[in-house]
Amino acid sequence: MADDPLRILVICTGNRARSQMAHGWLRALGGERVAISSAGTEPKGVHPLAIRVMAEAGIDISEHTSDHVDRYVGDEFDLVLTVCDAARESCPVFPGARRSLHRSFEDPDYPELSESELTAVFRRIRDEIGEFSRELLRRELG
């Protein structure tokens, strides 16, 4: 149906940062025109810095959960988006997806960095994902 929201599943390995940020951007930018879920092949919990840098952009992901992709097996999606190469290799085809798209983003979680350096990386990846999300929704929703 034309009024049905575009159903998107975003997948990365840990469902910790990149997929969570994409989930937040797509939901915020798409509003009621989209239904967004995110999952990981090895979920590890939402990264506190992902929550913080998204809040700086005015997007609240503090209630997001880190889910395993198996939770969505059997569900139908218009688009399954993988945002890291490892997830793409683990889930090259997702049952119930009309289409798949891959756009790899750098993993922002570098444990060897100071907090300020790490925050800067998270902000850069947040902004890259935000721009990609805007363009994706422009193409998908018109």
Protein backbone atom coordinates (compact mmCIF):
# COMPACT_ATOMS: atom_id res chain seq x y z
CA MET A 1 0.00 0.00 0.00
CA ALA A 2 1.26 3.49 -0.85
CA ASP A 3 0.65 4.77 2.69
CA ASP A 4 2.60 1.97 4.34
CA PRO A 5 5.91 3.08 5.83
CA LEU A 6 9.18 2.04 4.21
CA ARG A 7 10.45 -0.83 6.39
CA ILE A 8 14.23 -0.74 6.88
CA LEU A 9 16.46 -3.04 8.92
CA VAL A 10 19.97 -1.71 9.62
CA ILE A 11 22.61 -4.31 10.49
CA CYS A 12 26.18 -4.12 11.78
CA THR A 13 28.24 -6.51 13.84
CA GLY A 14 27.72 -5.23 17.38
CA ASN A 15 24.53 -3.15 16.93
CA ARG A 16 26.50 -0.83 19.18
CA ALA A 17 27.27 2.37 17.24
CA ARG A 18 26.94 2.55 13.43
CA SER A 19 23.63 0.73 13.07
CA GLN A 20 22.26 2.54 16.12
CA MET A 21 23.18 5.93 14.68
CA ALA A 22 21.71 5.01 11.29
CA HIS A 23 18.55 3.79 13.04
CA GLY A 24 18.26 7.11 14.85
CA TRP A 25 18.92 9.26 11.78
CA LEU A 26 16.53 7.33 9.53
CA ARG A 27 13.75 7.42 12.12
CA ALA A 28 14.25 11.14 12.82
CA LEU A 29 14.49 12.15 9.17
CA GLY A 30 11.82 9.79 7.83
CA GLY A 31 9.22 10.26 10.56
CA GLU A 32 6.04 8.29 9.99
CA ARG A 33 7.08 7.45 6.44
CA VAL A 34 9.55 4.86 7.74
CA ALA A 35 9.62 1.94 10.17
CA ILE A 36 13.22 1.37 11.29
CA SER A 37 14.78 -1.53 13.16
CA SER A 38 18.43 -2.30 13.81
CA ALA A 39 20.29 -5.43 14.81
CA GLY A 40 23.71 -7.00 15.07
CA THR A 41 25.28 -10.30 14.19
CA GLU A 42 27.01 -10.18 17.62
CA PRO A 43 25.09 -7.55 19.65
CA LYS A 44 27.11 -5.86 22.38
CA GLY A 45 24.86 -3.13 23.78
CA VAL A 46 24.42 0.47 22.65
CA HIS A 47 27.64 2.46 23.02
CA PRO A 48 27.28 5.40 25.46
CA LEU A 49 29.13 7.71 23.06
CA ALA A 50 26.70 6.85 20.27
CA ILE A 51 23.89 7.95 22.56
CA ARG A 52 25.74 11.13 23.51
CA VAL A 53 26.76 12.29 20.03
CA MET A 54 23.31 11.57 18.62
CA ALA A 55 21.79 13.66 21.45
CA GLU A 56 24.11 16.50 20.37
CA ALA A 57 22.42 16.25 16.94
CA GLY A 58 18.99 16.38 18.60
CA ILE A 59 18.24 12.66 18.20
CA ASP A 60 17.47 10.52 21.25
CA ILE A 61 18.59 6.89 20.93
CA SER A 62 18.86 6.31 24.68
CA GLU A 63 15.97 3.83 24.64
CA HIS A 64 17.40 1.74 21.79
CA THR A 65 18.23 -1.89 22.49
CA SER A 66 20.98 -3.98 20.95
CA ASP A 67 19.23 -6.88 19.25
CA HIS A 68 20.40 -9.98 17.41
CA VAL A 69 19.50 -10.31 13.72
CA ASP A 70 17.76 -13.61 14.48
CA ARG A 71 15.00 -11.57 16.14
CA TYR A 72 13.97 -10.34 12.69
CA VAL A 73 14.13 -13.59 10.73
CA GLY A 74 10.73 -14.06 9.15
CA ASP A 75 9.89 -10.33 9.19
CA GLU A 76 9.47 -8.50 5.91
CA PHE A 77 11.56 -5.45 5.04
CA ASP A 78 11.62 -3.21 2.01
CA LEU A 79 15.34 -2.66 2.55
CA VAL A 80 18.05 -4.32 4.60
CA LEU A 81 21.04 -2.01 5.02
CA THR A 82 24.39 -3.34 6.22
CA VAL A 83 26.73 -0.66 7.55
CA CYS A 84 29.88 -2.71 8.13
CA ASP A 85 31.74 -5.22 5.99
CA ALA A 86 31.67 -7.99 8.61
CA ALA A 87 27.87 -7.82 8.84
CA ARG A 88 27.61 -7.91 5.06
CA GLU A 89 29.70 -11.07 5.01
CA SER A 90 27.62 -12.63 7.81
CA CYS A 91 24.27 -11.65 6.29
CA PRO A 92 24.75 -11.38 2.53
CA VAL A 93 21.08 -12.28 2.02
CA PHE A 94 18.44 -11.60 4.63
CA PRO A 95 15.19 -13.57 4.38
CA GLY A 96 12.19 -11.31 4.03
CA ALA A 97 14.08 -8.44 2.40
CA ARG A 98 12.89 -7.03 -0.90
CA ARG A 99 16.27 -5.37 -1.43
CA SER A 100 19.65 -5.16 0.23
CA LEU A 101 22.10 -2.29 0.28
CA HIS A 102 25.61 -2.10 1.70
CA ARG A 103 27.39 1.06 2.80
CA SER A 104 30.34 0.47 5.07
CA PHE A 105 31.20 3.05 7.70
CA GLU A 106 34.33 3.08 9.82
CA ASP A 107 33.89 1.56 13.28
CA PRO A 108 34.23 4.58 15.59
CA ASP A 109 35.13 2.54 18.69
CA TYR A 110 38.91 2.77 19.16
CA PRO A 111 39.65 1.78 22.78
CA GLU A 112 43.21 3.17 22.57
CA LEU A 113 42.02 6.76 22.01
CA SER A 114 41.46 9.35 24.70
CA GLU A 115 37.84 10.25 25.42
CA SER A 116 38.09 13.53 23.52
CA GLU A 117 39.70 11.83 20.49
CA LEU A 118 37.10 9.06 20.59
CA THR A 119 34.26 11.59 20.82
CA ALA A 120 35.62 13.37 17.73
CA VAL A 121 35.63 10.08 15.78
CA PHE A 122 32.06 9.29 16.89
CA ARG A 123 30.94 12.77 15.79
CA ARG A 124 32.56 12.37 12.37
CA ILE A 125 30.95 8.95 11.80
CA ARG A 126 27.61 10.31 13.09
CA ASP A 127 27.76 13.11 10.51
CA GLU A 128 28.75 10.73 7.69
CA ILE A 129 25.84 8.43 8.56
CA GLY A 130 23.50 11.42 8.81
CA GLU A 131 24.39 12.63 5.31
CA PHE A 132 24.07 9.11 3.90
CA SER A 133 20.67 8.73 5.63
CA ARG A 134 19.40 12.00 4.12
CA GLU A 135 20.44 10.90 0.65
CA LEU A 136 19.00 7.40 1.09
CA LEU A 137 15.62 8.76 2.16
CA ARG A 138 15.64 11.28 -0.71
CA ARG A 139 16.08 8.37 -3.15
CA GLU A 140 13.64 6.03 -1.42
CA LEU A 141 10.86 8.44 -0.47
CA GLY A 142 11.23 11.14 -3.12
